[in-house]
Each structure stands twice: as C-alpha cells, then as structure tokens.
C-alpha cells in the first residue's frame, strides 16, 4: 500500500485516516489495541502522528486489511518476529514502487 502524504514532521489524524482510506475511529481503535502506536498529543488532546507512526500503521493495515489477520493474530505475528514482518512489508512496498515505475514507463512508451 502506498500512502500519499507530504513530508512533514507531524500528521493530524484526519490526514492519516484519509491516506489509509479508513475512519478516524479505526485509527483511534488501533492506537488502543497496538502498543507500537504512540502518537503525540498536543494541549488540546489532538493526536499528532510521526513518520514512524505511519510506518507502524502501514504494517498494521497490511496485516489486518490486506492479509486478513485478526487483531490478536496481527499482534502475535508482530511479537513473534517483529523484524521479519517489518522487513517483508518493506520489501513488498519497495517492489510495489518498482512495479508502479515500470508501469509508468510502459505507458509512456505506448
């Protein structure tokens, strides 16, 4: 999954939810369920997500939405082999970017 967000230090929950095409409530729910999600909160209590939080959300989204894991299953998978899950997900993302670039080149040549 590729999310289209500009490079920033912090992202608001609405921006993150829109990028993942989910509701704000799902992001808040995942924050409660997964210990790796720790967005900062400003004085008003608004969540501010960092790039690391986005990477963790990508991983959770991949396991739950794309692979079909239950929340408990995703938690277990992340605890059993955290580096392996992250590395596999990074490889998949990298290959998707390469595929998109090749598709763009093919379309330009046609």
N, C-alpha and C. Protein backbone atom coordinates (compact mmCIF):
# COMPACT_ATOMS: atom_id res chain seq x y z
N UNK A 1 0.84 -1.18 0.00
CA UNK A 1 0.00 0.00 0.00
C UNK A 1 0.88 1.24 0.00
N UNK A 2 0.55 2.16 -0.86
CA UNK A 2 1.28 3.42 -0.92
C UNK A 2 0.36 4.53 -0.42
N UNK A 3 0.84 5.28 0.56
CA UNK A 3 0.05 6.41 1.03
C UNK A 3 0.68 7.68 0.49
N UNK A 4 -0.17 8.61 0.14
CA UNK A 4 0.28 9.84 -0.50
C UNK A 4 0.14 11.00 0.48
N UNK A 5 1.20 11.22 1.26
CA UNK A 5 1.22 12.32 2.22
C UNK A 5 2.50 13.12 2.00
N UNK A 6 2.44 14.43 2.14
CA UNK A 6 3.66 15.23 2.01
C UNK A 6 4.61 14.97 3.18
N UNK A 7 5.88 15.26 2.96
CA UNK A 7 6.87 15.09 4.04
C UNK A 7 6.64 16.17 5.09
N UNK A 8 6.26 15.73 6.28
CA UNK A 8 6.04 16.63 7.40
C UNK A 8 6.53 15.95 8.67
N UNK A 9 6.70 16.73 9.70
CA UNK A 9 7.10 16.16 10.99
C UNK A 9 5.91 15.47 11.67
N UNK A 10 4.75 16.10 11.63
CA UNK A 10 3.57 15.54 12.27
C UNK A 10 2.38 15.57 11.32
N UNK A 11 1.52 14.56 11.44
CA UNK A 11 0.31 14.46 10.64
C UNK A 11 -0.88 14.38 11.58
N UNK A 12 -1.96 15.07 11.23
CA UNK A 12 -3.18 15.01 12.02
C UNK A 12 -3.92 13.71 11.71
N UNK A 13 -4.77 13.31 12.63
CA UNK A 13 -5.47 12.03 12.48
C UNK A 13 -6.34 12.01 11.22
N UNK A 14 -6.92 13.15 10.87
CA UNK A 14 -7.75 13.21 9.67
C UNK A 14 -6.94 12.96 8.41
N UNK A 15 -5.72 13.51 8.35
CA UNK A 15 -4.84 13.28 7.21
C UNK A 15 -4.46 11.80 7.11
N UNK A 16 -4.16 11.21 8.24
CA UNK A 16 -3.75 9.81 8.27
C UNK A 16 -4.91 8.91 7.85
N UNK A 17 -6.08 9.16 8.41
CA UNK A 17 -7.25 8.35 8.08
C UNK A 17 -7.59 8.46 6.60
N UNK A 18 -7.51 9.65 6.05
CA UNK A 18 -7.80 9.84 4.63
C UNK A 18 -6.77 9.11 3.76
N UNK A 19 -5.50 9.16 4.15
CA UNK A 19 -4.45 8.49 3.39
C UNK A 19 -4.65 6.98 3.37
N UNK A 20 -5.13 6.42 4.49
CA UNK A 20 -5.37 4.97 4.57
C UNK A 20 -6.78 4.59 4.13
N UNK A 21 -7.60 5.59 3.83
CA UNK A 21 -8.98 5.38 3.42
C UNK A 21 -9.78 4.60 4.47
N UNK A 22 -9.62 5.05 5.72
CA UNK A 22 -10.36 4.47 6.85
C UNK A 22 -10.94 5.62 7.68
N UNK A 23 -11.78 5.29 8.64
CA UNK A 23 -12.35 6.30 9.53
C UNK A 23 -11.36 6.67 10.63
N UNK A 24 -11.51 7.88 11.15
CA UNK A 24 -10.68 8.32 12.27
C UNK A 24 -10.82 7.36 13.45
N UNK A 25 -12.03 6.86 13.64
CA UNK A 25 -12.28 5.98 14.78
C UNK A 25 -11.47 4.69 14.69
N UNK A 26 -11.23 4.20 13.48
CA UNK A 26 -10.42 2.99 13.33
C UNK A 26 -8.97 3.25 13.74
N UNK A 27 -8.45 4.42 13.38
CA UNK A 27 -7.08 4.78 13.78
C UNK A 27 -7.00 4.87 15.31
N UNK A 28 -7.99 5.50 15.93
CA UNK A 28 -8.01 5.59 17.39
C UNK A 28 -8.12 4.19 18.03
N UNK A 29 -8.94 3.33 17.43
CA UNK A 29 -9.09 1.97 17.93
C UNK A 29 -7.78 1.21 17.84
N UNK A 30 -7.11 1.30 16.70
CA UNK A 30 -5.81 0.62 16.55
C UNK A 30 -4.79 1.17 17.54
N UNK A 31 -4.87 2.45 17.83
CA UNK A 31 -3.96 3.04 18.82
C UNK A 31 -4.14 2.37 20.18
N UNK A 32 -5.39 2.08 20.55
CA UNK A 32 -5.66 1.42 21.82
C UNK A 32 -5.21 -0.04 21.80
N UNK A 33 -5.36 -0.69 20.66
CA UNK A 33 -5.09 -2.12 20.56
C UNK A 33 -3.60 -2.46 20.39
N UNK A 34 -2.86 -1.62 19.70
CA UNK A 34 -1.46 -1.92 19.38
C UNK A 34 -0.53 -0.99 20.15
N UNK A 35 0.36 -1.59 20.93
CA UNK A 35 1.28 -0.82 21.76
C UNK A 35 2.30 -0.02 20.96
N UNK A 36 2.55 -0.42 19.71
CA UNK A 36 3.58 0.28 18.93
C UNK A 36 3.10 1.64 18.43
N UNK A 37 1.81 1.88 18.47
CA UNK A 37 1.28 3.19 18.06
C UNK A 37 1.26 4.13 19.25
N UNK A 38 2.08 5.15 19.19
CA UNK A 38 2.17 6.13 20.27
C UNK A 38 2.20 7.55 19.69
N UNK A 39 1.07 8.02 19.13
CA UNK A 39 1.09 9.38 18.61
C UNK A 39 1.22 10.40 19.74
N UNK A 40 1.86 11.50 19.43
CA UNK A 40 1.96 12.57 20.42
C UNK A 40 0.61 13.27 20.48
N UNK A 41 0.35 13.93 21.58
CA UNK A 41 -0.89 14.68 21.72
C UNK A 41 -0.54 16.11 22.12
N UNK A 42 -1.21 17.07 21.48
CA UNK A 42 -0.97 18.47 21.84
C UNK A 42 -1.81 18.82 23.06
N UNK A 43 -1.79 20.09 23.45
CA UNK A 43 -2.50 20.52 24.66
C UNK A 43 -4.00 20.27 24.57
N UNK A 44 -4.55 20.32 23.35
CA UNK A 44 -5.98 20.07 23.17
C UNK A 44 -6.31 18.58 23.18
N UNK A 45 -5.28 17.74 23.09
CA UNK A 45 -5.51 16.30 23.05
C UNK A 45 -5.56 15.74 21.64
N UNK A 46 -5.30 16.58 20.64
CA UNK A 46 -5.30 16.12 19.26
C UNK A 46 -4.09 15.23 19.01
N UNK A 47 -4.30 14.14 18.30
CA UNK A 47 -3.21 13.21 18.00
C UNK A 47 -2.36 13.75 16.86
N UNK A 48 -1.05 13.62 17.03
CA UNK A 48 -0.09 14.03 16.01
C UNK A 48 0.81 12.85 15.71
N UNK A 49 0.70 12.31 14.51
CA UNK A 49 1.41 11.12 14.12
C UNK A 49 2.74 11.47 13.43
N UNK A 50 3.79 10.72 13.77
CA UNK A 50 5.09 10.91 13.15
C UNK A 50 5.25 9.92 11.99
N UNK A 51 6.37 10.03 11.28
CA UNK A 51 6.65 9.11 10.19
C UNK A 51 6.77 7.67 10.71
N UNK A 52 7.31 7.50 11.90
CA UNK A 52 7.42 6.16 12.49
C UNK A 52 6.03 5.60 12.77
N UNK A 53 5.14 6.44 13.27
CA UNK A 53 3.76 6.01 13.50
C UNK A 53 3.11 5.57 12.18
N UNK A 54 3.39 6.30 11.11
CA UNK A 54 2.83 5.94 9.80
C UNK A 54 3.35 4.58 9.34
N UNK A 55 4.64 4.33 9.56
CA UNK A 55 5.20 3.02 9.20
C UNK A 55 4.51 1.91 9.99
N UNK A 56 4.30 2.14 11.27
CA UNK A 56 3.61 1.15 12.10
C UNK A 56 2.16 0.96 11.64
N UNK A 57 1.50 2.05 11.27
CA UNK A 57 0.14 1.94 10.76
C UNK A 57 0.10 1.18 9.44
N UNK A 58 1.10 1.38 8.59
CA UNK A 58 1.17 0.63 7.33
C UNK A 58 1.27 -0.86 7.61
N UNK A 59 2.09 -1.20 8.59
CA UNK A 59 2.27 -2.60 8.95
C UNK A 59 0.97 -3.19 9.49
N UNK A 60 0.31 -2.48 10.38
CA UNK A 60 -0.96 -2.95 10.93
C UNK A 60 -2.00 -3.07 9.83
N UNK A 61 -2.08 -2.07 8.96
CA UNK A 61 -3.03 -2.09 7.85
C UNK A 61 -2.76 -3.30 6.96
N UNK A 62 -1.48 -3.53 6.67
CA UNK A 62 -1.11 -4.66 5.81
C UNK A 62 -1.56 -5.98 6.42
N UNK A 63 -1.28 -6.18 7.70
CA UNK A 63 -1.63 -7.44 8.34
C UNK A 63 -3.14 -7.62 8.48
N UNK A 64 -3.83 -6.57 8.89
CA UNK A 64 -5.26 -6.69 9.20
C UNK A 64 -6.12 -6.59 7.94
N UNK A 65 -5.89 -5.59 7.14
CA UNK A 65 -6.77 -5.34 5.99
C UNK A 65 -6.37 -6.14 4.75
N UNK A 66 -5.07 -6.23 4.48
CA UNK A 66 -4.63 -6.89 3.24
C UNK A 66 -4.43 -8.39 3.42
N UNK A 67 -3.86 -8.80 4.56
CA UNK A 67 -3.61 -10.22 4.79
C UNK A 67 -4.76 -10.92 5.51
N UNK A 68 -5.66 -10.15 6.11
CA UNK A 68 -6.84 -10.73 6.75
C UNK A 68 -6.62 -11.27 8.15
N UNK A 69 -5.57 -10.84 8.82
CA UNK A 69 -5.32 -11.27 10.19
C UNK A 69 -6.37 -10.65 11.12
N UNK A 70 -6.68 -11.38 12.18
CA UNK A 70 -7.48 -10.78 13.24
C UNK A 70 -6.55 -9.86 14.03
N UNK A 71 -7.11 -9.04 14.90
CA UNK A 71 -6.26 -8.16 15.70
C UNK A 71 -5.32 -8.96 16.58
N UNK A 72 -5.83 -10.02 17.19
CA UNK A 72 -4.97 -10.87 18.02
C UNK A 72 -3.90 -11.55 17.18
N UNK A 73 -4.29 -12.01 16.01
CA UNK A 73 -3.33 -12.66 15.12
C UNK A 73 -2.24 -11.70 14.67
N UNK A 74 -2.61 -10.47 14.37
CA UNK A 74 -1.63 -9.46 13.96
C UNK A 74 -0.68 -9.14 15.11
N UNK A 75 -1.23 -9.04 16.33
CA UNK A 75 -0.38 -8.78 17.50
C UNK A 75 0.63 -9.90 17.71
N UNK A 76 0.16 -11.15 17.60
CA UNK A 76 1.04 -12.30 17.77
C UNK A 76 2.11 -12.33 16.69
N UNK A 77 1.73 -12.06 15.46
CA UNK A 77 2.68 -12.07 14.35
C UNK A 77 3.76 -11.02 14.57
N UNK A 78 3.37 -9.86 15.04
CA UNK A 78 4.32 -8.78 15.27
C UNK A 78 5.24 -9.10 16.44
N UNK A 79 4.74 -9.79 17.46
CA UNK A 79 5.56 -10.14 18.61
C UNK A 79 6.49 -11.31 18.32
N UNK A 80 6.03 -12.28 17.53
CA UNK A 80 6.84 -13.45 17.23
C UNK A 80 8.09 -13.10 16.42
N UNK A 81 7.91 -12.28 15.42
CA UNK A 81 9.01 -11.97 14.52
C UNK A 81 8.89 -10.52 14.06
N UNK A 82 9.12 -9.56 14.95
CA UNK A 82 8.90 -8.16 14.57
C UNK A 82 9.77 -7.71 13.41
N UNK A 83 11.03 -8.10 13.39
CA UNK A 83 11.91 -7.68 12.30
C UNK A 83 11.55 -8.34 10.98
N UNK A 84 11.16 -9.59 11.04
CA UNK A 84 10.78 -10.30 9.82
C UNK A 84 9.53 -9.73 9.18
N UNK A 85 8.55 -9.41 10.00
CA UNK A 85 7.31 -8.83 9.49
C UNK A 85 7.59 -7.47 8.85
N UNK A 86 8.38 -6.66 9.54
CA UNK A 86 8.70 -5.33 9.02
C UNK A 86 9.51 -5.44 7.74
N UNK A 87 10.51 -6.31 7.73
CA UNK A 87 11.35 -6.46 6.54
C UNK A 87 10.54 -6.95 5.35
N UNK A 88 9.67 -7.95 5.55
CA UNK A 88 8.84 -8.44 4.46
C UNK A 88 7.93 -7.34 3.94
N UNK A 89 7.36 -6.56 4.85
CA UNK A 89 6.47 -5.49 4.44
C UNK A 89 7.24 -4.42 3.67
N UNK A 90 8.44 -4.09 4.12
CA UNK A 90 9.26 -3.10 3.41
C UNK A 90 9.62 -3.59 2.01
N UNK A 91 9.92 -4.87 1.88
CA UNK A 91 10.24 -5.44 0.57
C UNK A 91 9.04 -5.34 -0.35
N UNK A 92 7.86 -5.67 0.17
CA UNK A 92 6.64 -5.59 -0.63
C UNK A 92 6.40 -4.15 -1.09
N UNK A 93 6.56 -3.18 -0.18
CA UNK A 93 6.36 -1.78 -0.55
C UNK A 93 7.35 -1.35 -1.62
N UNK A 94 8.59 -1.78 -1.48
CA UNK A 94 9.63 -1.42 -2.46
C UNK A 94 9.30 -2.02 -3.82
N UNK A 95 8.87 -3.27 -3.84
CA UNK A 95 8.51 -3.90 -5.10
C UNK A 95 7.28 -3.24 -5.74
N UNK A 96 6.34 -2.80 -4.92
CA UNK A 96 5.18 -2.09 -5.47
C UNK A 96 5.59 -0.78 -6.12
N UNK A 97 6.55 -0.08 -5.51
CA UNK A 97 7.05 1.17 -6.10
C UNK A 97 7.72 0.90 -7.45
N UNK A 98 8.52 -0.16 -7.50
CA UNK A 98 9.20 -0.53 -8.75
C UNK A 98 8.17 -0.88 -9.81
N UNK A 99 7.15 -1.63 -9.43
CA UNK A 99 6.10 -2.01 -10.38
C UNK A 99 5.40 -0.77 -10.92
N UNK A 100 5.11 0.20 -10.04
CA UNK A 100 4.44 1.43 -10.47
C UNK A 100 5.32 2.21 -11.43
N UNK A 101 6.62 2.29 -11.15
CA UNK A 101 7.54 3.00 -12.05
C UNK A 101 7.61 2.31 -13.40
N UNK A 102 7.66 0.99 -13.41
CA UNK A 102 7.70 0.25 -14.68
C UNK A 102 6.41 0.43 -15.46
N UNK A 103 5.29 0.45 -14.76
CA UNK A 103 4.00 0.69 -15.43
C UNK A 103 3.97 2.08 -16.05
N UNK A 104 4.48 3.07 -15.34
CA UNK A 104 4.54 4.43 -15.88
C UNK A 104 5.41 4.50 -17.12
N UNK A 105 6.55 3.82 -17.09
CA UNK A 105 7.45 3.79 -18.25
C UNK A 105 6.77 3.12 -19.42
N UNK A 106 6.08 2.00 -19.17
CA UNK A 106 5.37 1.28 -20.22
C UNK A 106 4.31 2.16 -20.85
N UNK A 107 3.55 2.90 -20.01
CA UNK A 107 2.51 3.79 -20.54
C UNK A 107 3.09 4.93 -21.37
N UNK A 108 4.25 5.42 -20.99
CA UNK A 108 4.89 6.49 -21.74
C UNK A 108 5.39 5.99 -23.10
N UNK A 109 5.80 4.74 -23.17
CA UNK A 109 6.31 4.18 -24.42
C UNK A 109 5.20 3.81 -25.38
N UNK A 110 4.00 3.59 -24.85
CA UNK A 110 2.88 3.16 -25.71
C UNK A 110 2.34 4.31 -26.52
